[in-house]
């Protein structure tokens, strides 16, 4: 399996080595550093988006406790609604990150 970090740092060298292989044009395009790096960028963005949502969910959960301690029910209800929305969207964000990682792994073999 190829190392995506190495490809990030040596894209031109990777493409040069790829061009020495007896591959058809479609395969060369699929395995080019530009395509692999685009997939990697989508994967990294999906992971970041998921992590940000998880962090926000955790922070909002803490804020709910603080709001309830202050007897601020309006803020607590708003935060609970936000946490519930994040609970719904987080599985999809995590799935997107996993799918992007699987696609990258398939192309790095």
PDB file of N, CA and C in Angstrom:
ATOM      1  N   UNK A   1       0.848  -1.178   0.000  1.00  0.00           N
ATOM      2  CA  UNK A   1       0.000   0.000   0.000  1.00  0.00           C
ATOM      3  C   UNK A   1       0.895   1.242   0.000  1.00  0.00           C
ATOM      4  N   UNK A   2       0.501   2.218  -0.772  1.00  0.00           N
ATOM      5  CA  UNK A   2       1.247   3.469  -0.842  1.00  0.00           C
ATOM      6  C   UNK A   2       0.947   4.329   0.380  1.00  0.00           C
ATOM      7  N   UNK A   3       1.883   5.168   0.734  1.00  0.00           N
ATOM      8  CA  UNK A   3       1.758   6.056   1.880  1.00  0.00           C
ATOM      9  C   UNK A   3       1.300   7.434   1.389  1.00  0.00           C
ATOM     10  N   UNK A   4       0.109   7.846   1.807  1.00  0.00           N
ATOM     11  CA  UNK A   4      -0.450   9.119   1.330  1.00  0.00           C
ATOM     12  C   UNK A   4       0.415  10.294   1.770  1.00  0.00           C
ATOM     13  N   UNK A   5       1.056  10.191   2.936  1.00  0.00           N
ATOM     14  CA  UNK A   5       1.935  11.288   3.375  1.00  0.00           C
ATOM     15  C   UNK A   5       3.107  11.443   2.403  1.00  0.00           C
ATOM     16  N   UNK A   6       3.659  10.309   1.979  1.00  0.00           N
ATOM     17  CA  UNK A   6       4.770  10.358   1.028  1.00  0.00           C
ATOM     18  C   UNK A   6       4.302  10.960  -0.296  1.00  0.00           C
ATOM     19  N   UNK A   7       3.114  10.585  -0.717  1.00  0.00           N
ATOM     20  CA  UNK A   7       2.578  11.117  -1.974  1.00  0.00           C
ATOM     21  C   UNK A   7       2.370  12.629  -1.859  1.00  0.00           C
ATOM     22  N   UNK A   8       1.873  13.102  -0.701  1.00  0.00           N
ATOM     23  CA  UNK A   8       1.701  14.544  -0.498  1.00  0.00           C
ATOM     24  C   UNK A   8       3.028  15.279  -0.667  1.00  0.00           C
ATOM     25  N   UNK A   9       4.092  14.694  -0.151  1.00  0.00           N
ATOM     26  CA  UNK A   9       5.400  15.348  -0.179  1.00  0.00           C
ATOM     27  C   UNK A   9       6.149  15.129  -1.496  1.00  0.00           C
ATOM     28  N   UNK A  10       5.792  14.098  -2.247  1.00  0.00           N
ATOM     29  CA  UNK A  10       6.527  13.733  -3.460  1.00  0.00           C
ATOM     30  C   UNK A  10       5.595  13.445  -4.627  1.00  0.00           C
ATOM     31  N   UNK A  11       4.635  14.299  -4.854  1.00  0.00           N
ATOM     32  CA  UNK A  11       3.626  14.052  -5.885  1.00  0.00           C
ATOM     33  C   UNK A  11       4.253  13.870  -7.270  1.00  0.00           C
ATOM     34  N   UNK A  12       5.187  14.716  -7.616  1.00  0.00           N
ATOM     35  CA  UNK A  12       5.809  14.621  -8.943  1.00  0.00           C
ATOM     36  C   UNK A  12       6.568  13.310  -9.093  1.00  0.00           C
ATOM     37  N   UNK A  13       7.303  12.916  -8.081  1.00  0.00           N
ATOM     38  CA  UNK A  13       8.036  11.653  -8.126  1.00  0.00           C
ATOM     39  C   UNK A  13       7.101  10.458  -8.210  1.00  0.00           C
ATOM     40  N   UNK A  14       5.987  10.536  -7.502  1.00  0.00           N
ATOM     41  CA  UNK A  14       4.998   9.458  -7.549  1.00  0.00           C
ATOM     42  C   UNK A  14       4.434   9.326  -8.964  1.00  0.00           C
ATOM     43  N   UNK A  15       4.063  10.464  -9.576  1.00  0.00           N
ATOM     44  CA  UNK A  15       3.518  10.428 -10.937  1.00  0.00           C
ATOM     45  C   UNK A  15       4.557   9.936 -11.939  1.00  0.00           C
ATOM     46  N   UNK A  16       5.789  10.318 -11.751  1.00  0.00           N
ATOM     47  CA  UNK A  16       6.857   9.870 -12.647  1.00  0.00           C
ATOM     48  C   UNK A  16       6.994   8.344 -12.578  1.00  0.00           C
ATOM     49  N   UNK A  17       6.992   7.806 -11.377  1.00  0.00           N
ATOM     50  CA  UNK A  17       7.079   6.352 -11.203  1.00  0.00           C
ATOM     51  C   UNK A  17       5.836   5.663 -11.754  1.00  0.00           C
ATOM     52  N   UNK A  18       4.673   6.293 -11.575  1.00  0.00           N
ATOM     53  CA  UNK A  18       3.426   5.732 -12.085  1.00  0.00           C
ATOM     54  C   UNK A  18       3.458   5.627 -13.608  1.00  0.00           C
ATOM     55  N   UNK A  19       4.032   6.637 -14.240  1.00  0.00           N
ATOM     56  CA  UNK A  19       4.083   6.649 -15.708  1.00  0.00           C
ATOM     57  C   UNK A  19       5.005   5.567 -16.275  1.00  0.00           C
ATOM     58  N   UNK A  20       5.892   5.035 -15.462  1.00  0.00           N
ATOM     59  CA  UNK A  20       6.762   3.954 -15.924  1.00  0.00           C
ATOM     60  C   UNK A  20       6.037   2.606 -15.936  1.00  0.00           C
ATOM     61  N   UNK A  21       4.918   2.544 -15.252  1.00  0.00           N
ATOM     62  CA  UNK A  21       4.152   1.296 -15.197  1.00  0.00           C
ATOM     63  C   UNK A  21       3.324   1.134 -16.468  1.00  0.00           C
ATOM     64  N   UNK A  22       3.119  -0.107 -16.877  1.00  0.00           N
ATOM     65  CA  UNK A  22       2.312  -0.354 -18.086  1.00  0.00           C
ATOM     66  C   UNK A  22       0.812  -0.306 -17.767  1.00  0.00           C
ATOM     67  N   UNK A  23       0.299   0.890 -17.540  1.00  0.00           N
ATOM     68  CA  UNK A  23      -1.120   1.074 -17.221  1.00  0.00           C
ATOM     69  C   UNK A  23      -1.797   1.831 -18.349  1.00  0.00           C
ATOM     70  N   UNK A  24      -3.097   1.582 -18.527  1.00  0.00           N
ATOM     71  CA  UNK A  24      -3.841   2.361 -19.517  1.00  0.00           C
ATOM     72  C   UNK A  24      -4.086   3.767 -18.980  1.00  0.00           C
ATOM     73  N   UNK A  25      -4.515   4.662 -19.847  1.00  0.00           N
ATOM     74  CA  UNK A  25      -4.700   6.070 -19.461  1.00  0.00           C
ATOM     75  C   UNK A  25      -5.718   6.239 -18.331  1.00  0.00           C
ATOM     76  N   UNK A  26      -6.769   5.431 -18.354  1.00  0.00           N
ATOM     77  CA  UNK A  26      -7.797   5.525 -17.316  1.00  0.00           C
ATOM     78  C   UNK A  26      -7.207   5.162 -15.946  1.00  0.00           C
ATOM     79  N   UNK A  27      -6.410   4.111 -15.900  1.00  0.00           N
ATOM     80  CA  UNK A  27      -5.789   3.698 -14.636  1.00  0.00           C
ATOM     81  C   UNK A  27      -4.786   4.741 -14.157  1.00  0.00           C
ATOM     82  N   UNK A  28      -4.020   5.297 -15.089  1.00  0.00           N
ATOM     83  CA  UNK A  28      -3.055   6.326 -14.694  1.00  0.00           C
ATOM     84  C   UNK A  28      -3.760   7.540 -14.098  1.00  0.00           C
ATOM     85  N   UNK A  29      -4.910   7.888 -14.678  1.00  0.00           N
ATOM     86  CA  UNK A  29      -5.676   9.022 -14.157  1.00  0.00           C
ATOM     87  C   UNK A  29      -6.233   8.689 -12.764  1.00  0.00           C
ATOM     88  N   UNK A  30      -6.733   7.468 -12.609  1.00  0.00           N
ATOM     89  CA  UNK A  30      -7.314   7.037 -11.342  1.00  0.00           C
ATOM     90  C   UNK A  30      -6.270   7.032 -10.226  1.00  0.00           C
ATOM     91  N   UNK A  31      -5.067   6.567 -10.538  1.00  0.00           N
ATOM     92  CA  UNK A  31      -4.020   6.441  -9.532  1.00  0.00           C
ATOM     93  C   UNK A  31      -3.050   7.619  -9.514  1.00  0.00           C
ATOM     94  N   UNK A  32      -3.361   8.685 -10.230  1.00  0.00           N
ATOM     95  CA  UNK A  32      -2.471   9.852 -10.245  1.00  0.00           C
ATOM     96  C   UNK A  32      -2.438  10.525  -8.883  1.00  0.00           C
ATOM     97  N   UNK A  33      -1.360  11.222  -8.618  1.00  0.00           N
ATOM     98  CA  UNK A  33      -1.248  11.909  -7.329  1.00  0.00           C
ATOM     99  C   UNK A  33      -2.360  12.940  -7.171  1.00  0.00           C
ATOM    100  N   UNK A  34      -2.738  13.606  -8.252  1.00  0.00           N
ATOM    101  CA  UNK A  34      -3.793  14.618  -8.157  1.00  0.00           C
ATOM    102  C   UNK A  34      -5.102  13.988  -7.684  1.00  0.00           C
ATOM    103  N   UNK A  35      -5.453  12.836  -8.244  1.00  0.00           N
ATOM    104  CA  UNK A  35      -6.687  12.162  -7.846  1.00  0.00           C
ATOM    105  C   UNK A  35      -6.580  11.643  -6.418  1.00  0.00           C
ATOM    106  N   UNK A  36      -5.465  11.027  -6.081  1.00  0.00           N
ATOM    107  CA  UNK A  36      -5.281  10.502  -4.728  1.00  0.00           C
ATOM    108  C   UNK A  36      -5.296  11.620  -3.688  1.00  0.00           C
ATOM    109  N   UNK A  37      -4.691  12.740  -4.014  1.00  0.00           N
ATOM    110  CA  UNK A  37      -4.669  13.866  -3.076  1.00  0.00           C
ATOM    111  C   UNK A  37      -6.043  14.513  -2.944  1.00  0.00           C
ATOM    112  N   UNK A  38      -6.836  14.510  -4.019  1.00  0.00           N
ATOM    113  CA  UNK A  38      -8.205  15.033  -3.942  1.00  0.00           C
ATOM    114  C   UNK A  38      -9.056  14.153  -3.031  1.00  0.00           C
ATOM    115  N   UNK A  39      -8.904  12.844  -3.161  1.00  0.00           N
ATOM    116  CA  UNK A  39      -9.622  11.913  -2.296  1.00  0.00           C
ATOM    117  C   UNK A  39      -9.183  12.118  -0.846  1.00  0.00           C
ATOM    118  N   UNK A  40      -7.874  12.272  -0.643  1.00  0.00           N
ATOM    119  CA  UNK A  40      -7.337  12.497   0.699  1.00  0.00           C
ATOM    120  C   UNK A  40      -7.886  13.781   1.294  1.00  0.00           C
ATOM    121  N   UNK A  41      -8.005  14.816   0.500  1.00  0.00           N
ATOM    122  CA  UNK A  41      -8.537  16.096   0.992  1.00  0.00           C
ATOM    123  C   UNK A  41     -10.002  15.944   1.419  1.00  0.00           C
ATOM    124  N   UNK A  42     -10.789  15.220   0.613  1.00  0.00           N
ATOM    125  CA  UNK A  42     -12.188  14.979   0.992  1.00  0.00           C
ATOM    126  C   UNK A  42     -12.267  14.157   2.281  1.00  0.00           C
ATOM    127  N   UNK A  43     -11.390  13.165   2.411  1.00  0.00           N
ATOM    128  CA  UNK A  43     -11.358  12.337   3.613  1.00  0.00           C
ATOM    129  C   UNK A  43     -11.018  13.185   4.836  1.00  0.00           C
ATOM    130  N   UNK A  44     -10.008  13.998   4.718  1.00  0.00           N
ATOM    131  CA  UNK A  44      -9.590  14.842   5.835  1.00  0.00           C
ATOM    132  C   UNK A  44     -10.678  15.847   6.203  1.00  0.00           C
ATOM    133  N   UNK A  45     -11.358  16.404   5.209  1.00  0.00           N
ATOM    134  CA  UNK A  45     -12.442  17.355   5.475  1.00  0.00           C
ATOM    135  C   UNK A  45     -13.606  16.658   6.182  1.00  0.00           C
ATOM    136  N   UNK A  46     -13.927  15.441   5.756  1.00  0.00           N
ATOM    137  CA  UNK A  46     -15.016  14.693   6.386  1.00  0.00           C
ATOM    138  C   UNK A  46     -14.683  14.370   7.837  1.00  0.00           C
ATOM    139  N   UNK A  47     -13.446  13.983   8.094  1.00  0.00           N
ATOM    140  CA  UNK A  47     -13.026  13.677   9.470  1.00  0.00           C
ATOM    141  C   UNK A  47     -13.097  14.936  10.328  1.00  0.00           C
ATOM    142  N   UNK A  48     -12.619  16.051   9.800  1.00  0.00           N
ATOM    143  CA  UNK A  48     -12.644  17.315  10.543  1.00  0.00           C
ATOM    144  C   UNK A  48     -14.076  17.726  10.860  1.00  0.00           C
ATOM    145  N   UNK A  49     -14.954  17.605   9.875  1.00  0.00           N
ATOM    146  CA  UNK A  49     -16.355  17.978  10.074  1.00  0.00           C
ATOM    147  C   UNK A  49     -16.987  17.117  11.173  1.00  0.00           C
ATOM    148  N   UNK A  50     -16.692  15.842  11.160  1.00  0.00           N
ATOM    149  CA  UNK A  50     -17.216  14.932  12.180  1.00  0.00           C
ATOM    150  C   UNK A  50     -16.664  15.282  13.560  1.00  0.00           C
ATOM    151  N   UNK A  51     -15.378  15.549  13.642  1.00  0.00           N
ATOM    152  CA  UNK A  51     -14.757  15.883  14.925  1.00  0.00           C
ATOM    153  C   UNK A  51     -15.290  17.200  15.483  1.00  0.00           C
ATOM    154  N   UNK A  52     -15.507  18.169  14.622  1.00  0.00           N
ATOM    155  CA  UNK A  52     -16.053  19.460  15.063  1.00  0.00           C
ATOM    156  C   UNK A  52     -17.466  19.266  15.611  1.00  0.00           C
ATOM    157  N   UNK A  53     -18.264  18.466  14.924  1.00  0.00           N
ATOM    158  CA  UNK A  53     -19.634  18.208  15.387  1.00  0.00           C
ATOM    159  C   UNK A  53     -19.627  17.479  16.726  1.00  0.00           C
ATOM    160  N   UNK A  54     -18.727  16.512  16.895  1.00  0.00           N
ATOM    161  CA  UNK A  54     -18.635  15.797  18.173  1.00  0.00           C
ATOM    162  C   UNK A  54     -18.214  16.735  19.300  1.00  0.00           C
ATOM    163  N   UNK A  55     -17.250  17.594  19.011  1.00  0.00           N
ATOM    164  CA  UNK A  55     -16.791  18.551  20.017  1.00  0.00           C
ATOM    165  C   UNK A  55     -17.923  19.503  20.410  1.00  0.00           C
ATOM    166  N   UNK A  56     -18.693  19.939  19.422  1.00  0.00           N
ATOM    167  CA  UNK A  56     -19.807  20.845  19.711  1.00  0.00           C
ATOM    168  C   UNK A  56     -20.873  20.142  20.550  1.00  0.00           C
ATOM    169  N   UNK A  57     -21.146  18.874  20.210  1.00  0.00           N
ATOM    170  CA  UNK A  57     -22.117  18.103  20.990  1.00  0.00           C
ATOM    171  C   UNK A  57     -21.662  17.989  22.439  1.00  0.00           C
ATOM    172  N   UNK A  58     -20.386  17.694  22.637  1.00  0.00           N
ATOM    173  CA  UNK A  58     -19.860  17.561  23.998  1.00  0.00           C
ATOM    174  C   UNK A  58     -19.931  18.885  24.754  1.00  0.00           C
ATOM    175  N   UNK A  59     -19.581  19.972  24.079  1.00  0.00           N
ATOM    176  CA  UNK A  59     -19.623  21.287  24.724  1.00  0.00           C
ATOM    177  C   UNK A  59     -21.058  21.681  25.056  1.00  0.00           C
ATOM    178  N   UNK A  60     -21.969  21.440  24.130  1.00  0.00           N
ATOM    179  CA  UNK A  60     -23.373  21.790  24.373  1.00  0.00           C
ATOM    180  C   UNK A  60     -23.939  20.958  25.521  1.00  0.00           C
ATOM    181  N   UNK A  61     -23.517  19.709  25.629  1.00  0.00           N
ATOM    182  CA  UNK A  61     -23.987  18.865  26.741  1.00  0.00           C
ATOM    183  C   UNK A  61     -23.548  19.445  28.072  1.00  0.00           C
ATOM    184  N   UNK A  62     -22.317  19.924  28.141  1.00  0.00           N
ATOM    185  CA  UNK A  62     -21.840  20.568  29.375  1.00  0.00           C
ATOM    186  C   UNK A  62     -22.638  21.838  29.665  1.00  0.00           C
ATOM    187  N   UNK A  63     -22.901  22.604  28.603  1.00  0.00           N
ATOM    188  CA  UNK A  63     -23.637  23.860  28.761  1.00  0.00           C
ATOM    189  C   UNK A  63     -25.060  23.611  29.248  1.00  0.00           C
ATOM    190  N   UNK A  64     -25.632  22.472  28.874  1.00  0.00           N
ATOM    191  CA  UNK A  64     -26.980  22.133  29.350  1.00  0.00           C
ATOM    192  C   UNK A  64     -26.965  22.029  30.873  1.00  0.00           C
ATOM    193  N   UNK A  65     -25.975  21.325  31.403  1.00  0.00           N
ATOM    194  CA  UNK A  65     -25.861  21.193  32.855  1.00  0.00           C
ATOM    195  C   UNK A  65     -25.682  22.536  33.540  1.00  0.00           C
ATOM    196  N   UNK A  66     -24.882  23.386  32.936  1.00  0.00           N
ATOM    197  CA  UNK A  66     -24.659  24.713  33.508  1.00  0.00           C
ATOM    198  C   UNK A  66     -25.937  25.544  33.473  1.00  0.00           C
ATOM    199  N   UNK A  67     -26.673  25.456  32.360  1.00  0.00           N
ATOM    200  CA  UNK A  67     -27.917  26.222  32.243  1.00  0.00           C
ATOM    201  C   UNK A  67     -28.952  25.725  33.245  1.00  0.00           C
ATOM    202  N   UNK A  68     -29.019  24.414  33.412  1.00  0.00           N
ATOM    203  CA  UNK A  68     -29.983  23.867  34.387  1.00  0.00           C
ATOM    204  C   UNK A  68     -29.602  24.263  35.813  1.00  0.00           C
ATOM    205  N   UNK A  69     -28.292  24.316  36.077  1.00  0.00           N
ATOM    206  CA  UNK A  69     -27.849  24.734  37.417  1.00  0.00           C
ATOM    207  C   UNK A  69     -28.253  26.178  37.692  1.00  0.00           C
ATOM    208  N   UNK A  70     -28.280  27.002  36.635  1.00  0.00           N
ATOM    209  CA  UNK A  70     -28.671  28.412  36.771  1.00  0.00           C
ATOM    210  C   UNK A  70     -30.183  28.584  36.624  1.00  0.00           C
ATOM    211  N   UNK A  71     -30.882  27.475  36.430  1.00  0.00           N
ATOM    212  CA  UNK A  71     -32.339  27.485  36.233  1.00  0.00           C
ATOM    213  C   UNK A  71     -32.746  28.288  34.993  1.00  0.00           C
ATOM    214  N   UNK A  72     -31.926  28.210  33.961  1.00  0.00           N
ATOM    215  CA  UNK A  72     -32.198  28.886  32.689  1.00  0.00           C
ATOM    216  C   UNK A  72     -32.758  27.842  31.718  1.00  0.00           C
ATOM    217  N   UNK A  73     -34.055  27.573  31.834  1.00  0.00           N
ATOM    218  CA  UNK A  73     -34.690  26.512  31.047  1.00  0.00           C
ATOM    219  C   UNK A  73     -34.711  26.807  29.551  1.00  0.00           C
ATOM    220  N   UNK A  74     -34.848  28.070  29.172  1.00  0.00           N
ATOM    221  CA  UNK A  74     -34.866  28.412  27.744  1.00  0.00           C
ATOM    222  C   UNK A  74     -33.550  28.026  27.073  1.00  0.00           C
ATOM    223  N   UNK A  75     -32.454  28.386  27.703  1.00  0.00           N
ATOM    224  CA  UNK A  75     -31.136  28.045  27.161  1.00  0.00           C
ATOM    225  C   UNK A  75     -30.940  26.535  27.170  1.00  0.00           C
ATOM    226  N   UNK A  76     -31.354  25.882  28.240  1.00  0.00           N
ATOM    227  CA  UNK A  76     -31.218  24.423  28.336  1.00  0.00           C
ATOM    228  C   UNK A  76     -32.002  23.736  27.223  1.00  0.00           C
ATOM    229  N   UNK A  77     -33.217  24.194  26.971  1.00  0.00           N
ATOM    230  CA  UNK A  77     -34.044  23.597  25.914  1.00  0.00           C
ATOM    231  C   UNK A  77     -33.422  23.817  24.535  1.00  0.00           C
ATOM    232  N   UNK A  78     -32.899  25.014  24.308  1.00  0.00           N
ATOM    233  CA  UNK A  78     -32.254  25.311  23.021  1.00  0.00           C
ATOM    234  C   UNK A  78     -31.034  24.405  22.820  1.00  0.00           C
ATOM    235  N   UNK A  79     -30.252  24.258  23.867  1.00  0.00           N
ATOM    236  CA  UNK A  79     -29.060  23.417  23.786  1.00  0.00           C
ATOM    237  C   UNK A  79     -29.431  21.940  23.607  1.00  0.00           C
ATOM    238  N   UNK A  80     -30.480  21.497  24.278  1.00  0.00           N
ATOM    239  CA  UNK A  80     -30.917  20.106  24.111  1.00  0.00           C
ATOM    240  C   UNK A  80     -31.373  19.851  22.676  1.00  0.00           C
ATOM    241  N   UNK A  81     -32.040  20.832  22.083  1.00  0.00           N
ATOM    242  CA  UNK A  81     -32.455  20.682  20.691  1.00  0.00           C
ATOM    243  C   UNK A  81     -31.228  20.595  19.775  1.00  0.00           C
ATOM    244  N   UNK A  82     -30.219  21.400  20.071  1.00  0.00           N
ATOM    245  CA  UNK A  82     -28.982  21.366  19.284  1.00  0.00           C
ATOM    246  C   UNK A  82     -28.289  20.009  19.417  1.00  0.00           C
ATOM    247  N   UNK A  83     -28.216  19.484  20.631  1.00  0.00           N
ATOM    248  CA  UNK A  83     -27.594  18.181  20.862  1.00  0.00           C
ATOM    249  C   UNK A  83     -28.368  17.085  20.131  1.00  0.00           C
ATOM    250  N   UNK A  84     -29.688  17.159  20.182  1.00  0.00           N
ATOM    251  CA  UNK A  84     -30.503  16.158  19.474  1.00  0.00           C
ATOM    252  C   UNK A  84     -30.269  16.215  17.971  1.00  0.00           C
ATOM    253  N   UNK A  85     -30.144  17.415  17.435  1.00  0.00           N
ATOM    254  CA  UNK A  85     -29.869  17.564  15.998  1.00  0.00           C
ATOM    255  C   UNK A  85     -28.495  16.983  15.662  1.00  0.00           C
ATOM    256  N   UNK A  86     -27.528  17.248  16.514  1.00  0.00           N
ATOM    257  CA  UNK A  86     -26.182  16.701  16.287  1.00  0.00           C
ATOM    258  C   UNK A  86     -26.174  15.174  16.389  1.00  0.00           C
ATOM    259  N   UNK A  87     -26.982  14.622  17.284  1.00  0.00           N
ATOM    260  CA  UNK A  87     -27.077  13.172  17.404  1.00  0.00           C
ATOM    261  C   UNK A  87     -27.621  12.552  16.116  1.00  0.00           C
ATOM    262  N   UNK A  88     -28.449  13.292  15.417  1.00  0.00           N
ATOM    263  CA  UNK A  88     -29.008  12.808  14.151  1.00  0.00           C
ATOM    264  C   UNK A  88     -27.984  12.933  13.024  1.00  0.00           C
ATOM    265  N   UNK A  89     -27.255  14.038  12.985  1.00  0.00           N
ATOM    266  CA  UNK A  89     -26.331  14.271  11.878  1.00  0.00           C
ATOM    267  C   UNK A  89     -24.978  13.585  12.055  1.00  0.00           C
ATOM    268  N   UNK A  90     -24.569  13.331  13.286  1.00  0.00           N
ATOM    269  CA  UNK A  90     -23.253  12.720  13.527  1.00  0.00           C
ATOM    270  C   UNK A  90     -23.070  11.365  12.845  1.00  0.00           C
ATOM    271  N   UNK A  91     -24.027  10.463  12.888  1.00  0.00           N
ATOM    272  CA  UNK A  91     -23.804   9.178  12.203  1.00  0.00           C
ATOM    273  C   UNK A  91     -23.535   9.335  10.706  1.00  0.00           C
ATOM    274  N   UNK A  92     -24.205  10.275  10.067  1.00  0.00           N
ATOM    275  CA  UNK A  92     -23.958  10.495   8.636  1.00  0.00           C
ATOM    276  C   UNK A  92     -22.577  11.079   8.404  1.00  0.00           C
ATOM    277  N   UNK A  93     -22.166  12.008   9.249  1.00  0.00           N
ATOM    278  CA  UNK A  93     -20.823  12.576   9.131  1.00  0.00           C
ATOM    279  C   UNK A  93     -19.759  11.507   9.334  1.00  0.00           C
ATOM    280  N   UNK A  94     -19.977  10.640  10.317  1.00  0.00           N
ATOM    281  CA  UNK A  94     -19.026   9.558  10.557  1.00  0.00           C
ATOM    282  C   UNK A  94     -19.003   8.574   9.385  1.00  0.00           C
ATOM    283  N   UNK A  95     -20.171   8.313   8.801  1.00  0.00           N
ATOM    284  CA  UNK A  95     -20.246   7.431   7.631  1.00  0.00           C
ATOM    285  C   UNK A  95     -19.510   8.050   6.448  1.00  0.00           C
ATOM    286  N   UNK A  96     -19.682   9.345   6.246  1.00  0.00           N
ATOM    287  CA  UNK A  96     -18.979  10.031   5.158  1.00  0.00           C
ATOM    288  C   UNK A  96     -17.468   9.911   5.326  1.00  0.00           C
ATOM    289  N   UNK A  97     -16.991  10.082   6.557  1.00  0.00           N
ATOM    290  CA  UNK A  97     -15.554   9.975   6.823  1.00  0.00           C
ATOM    291  C   UNK A  97     -15.065   8.554   6.572  1.00  0.00           C
ATOM    292  N   UNK A  98     -15.841   7.574   7.015  1.00  0.00           N
ATOM    293  CA  UNK A  98     -15.460   6.175   6.820  1.00  0.00           C
ATOM    294  C   UNK A  98     -15.453   5.824   5.333  1.00  0.00           C
ATOM    295  N   UNK A  99     -16.476   6.265   4.597  1.00  0.00           N
ATOM    296  CA  UNK A  99     -16.539   5.995   3.160  1.00  0.00           C
ATOM    297  C   UNK A  99     -15.354   6.608   2.423  1.00  0.00           C
ATOM    298  N   UNK A 100     -14.996   7.829   2.791  1.00  0.00           N
ATOM    299  CA  UNK A 100     -13.857   8.495   2.151  1.00  0.00           C
ATOM    300  C   UNK A 100     -12.560   7.749   2.459  1.00  0.00           C
ATOM    301  N   UNK A 101     -12.440   7.268   3.675  1.00  0.00           N
ATOM    302  CA  UNK A 101     -11.233   6.517   4.049  1.00  0.00           C
ATOM    303  C   UNK A 101     -11.152   5.194   3.284  1.00  0.00           C
ATOM    304  N   UNK A 102     -12.288   4.518   3.139  1.00  0.00           N
ATOM    305  CA  UNK A 102     -12.306   3.260   2.383  1.00  0.00           C
ATOM    306  C   UNK A 102     -11.952   3.497   0.922  1.00  0.00           C
ATOM    307  N   UNK A 103     -12.489   4.563   0.356  1.00  0.00           N
ATOM    308  CA  UNK A 103     -12.168   4.880  -1.049  1.00  0.00           C
ATOM    309  C   UNK A 103     -10.681   5.167  -1.202  1.00  0.00           C
ATOM    310  N   UNK A 104     -10.130   5.907  -0.260  1.00  0.00           N
ATOM    311  CA  UNK A 104      -8.697   6.204  -0.325  1.00  0.00           C
ATOM    312  C   UNK A 104      -7.882   4.903  -0.219  1.00  0.00           C
ATOM    313  N   UNK A 105      -8.257   4.045   0.710  1.00  0.00           N
ATOM    314  CA  UNK A 105      -7.545   2.788   0.880  1.00  0.00           C
ATOM    315  C   UNK A 105      -7.595   1.936  -0.389  1.00  0.00           C
ATOM    316  N   UNK A 106      -8.737   1.918  -1.055  1.00  0.00           N
ATOM    317  CA  UNK A 106      -8.874   1.156  -2.295  1.00  0.00           C
ATOM    318  C   UNK A 106      -7.935   1.675  -3.375  1.00  0.00           C
ATOM    319  N   UNK A 107      -7.761   2.968  -3.426  1.00  0.00           N
ATOM    320  CA  UNK A 107      -6.924   3.563  -4.469  1.00  0.00           C
ATOM    321  C   UNK A 107      -5.430   3.561  -4.135  1.00  0.00           C
ATOM    322  N   UNK A 108      -5.093   3.380  -2.861  1.00  0.00           N
ATOM    323  CA  UNK A 108      -3.690   3.390  -2.470  1.00  0.00           C
ATOM    324  C   UNK A 108      -3.022   2.016  -2.564  1.00  0.00           C
ATOM    325  N   UNK A 109      -3.792   0.995  -2.841  1.00  0.00           N
ATOM    326  CA  UNK A 109      -3.213  -0.365  -2.943  1.00  0.00           C
ATOM    327  C   UNK A 109      -2.318  -0.467  -4.143  1.00  0.00           C
TER     328      UNK A 109
END
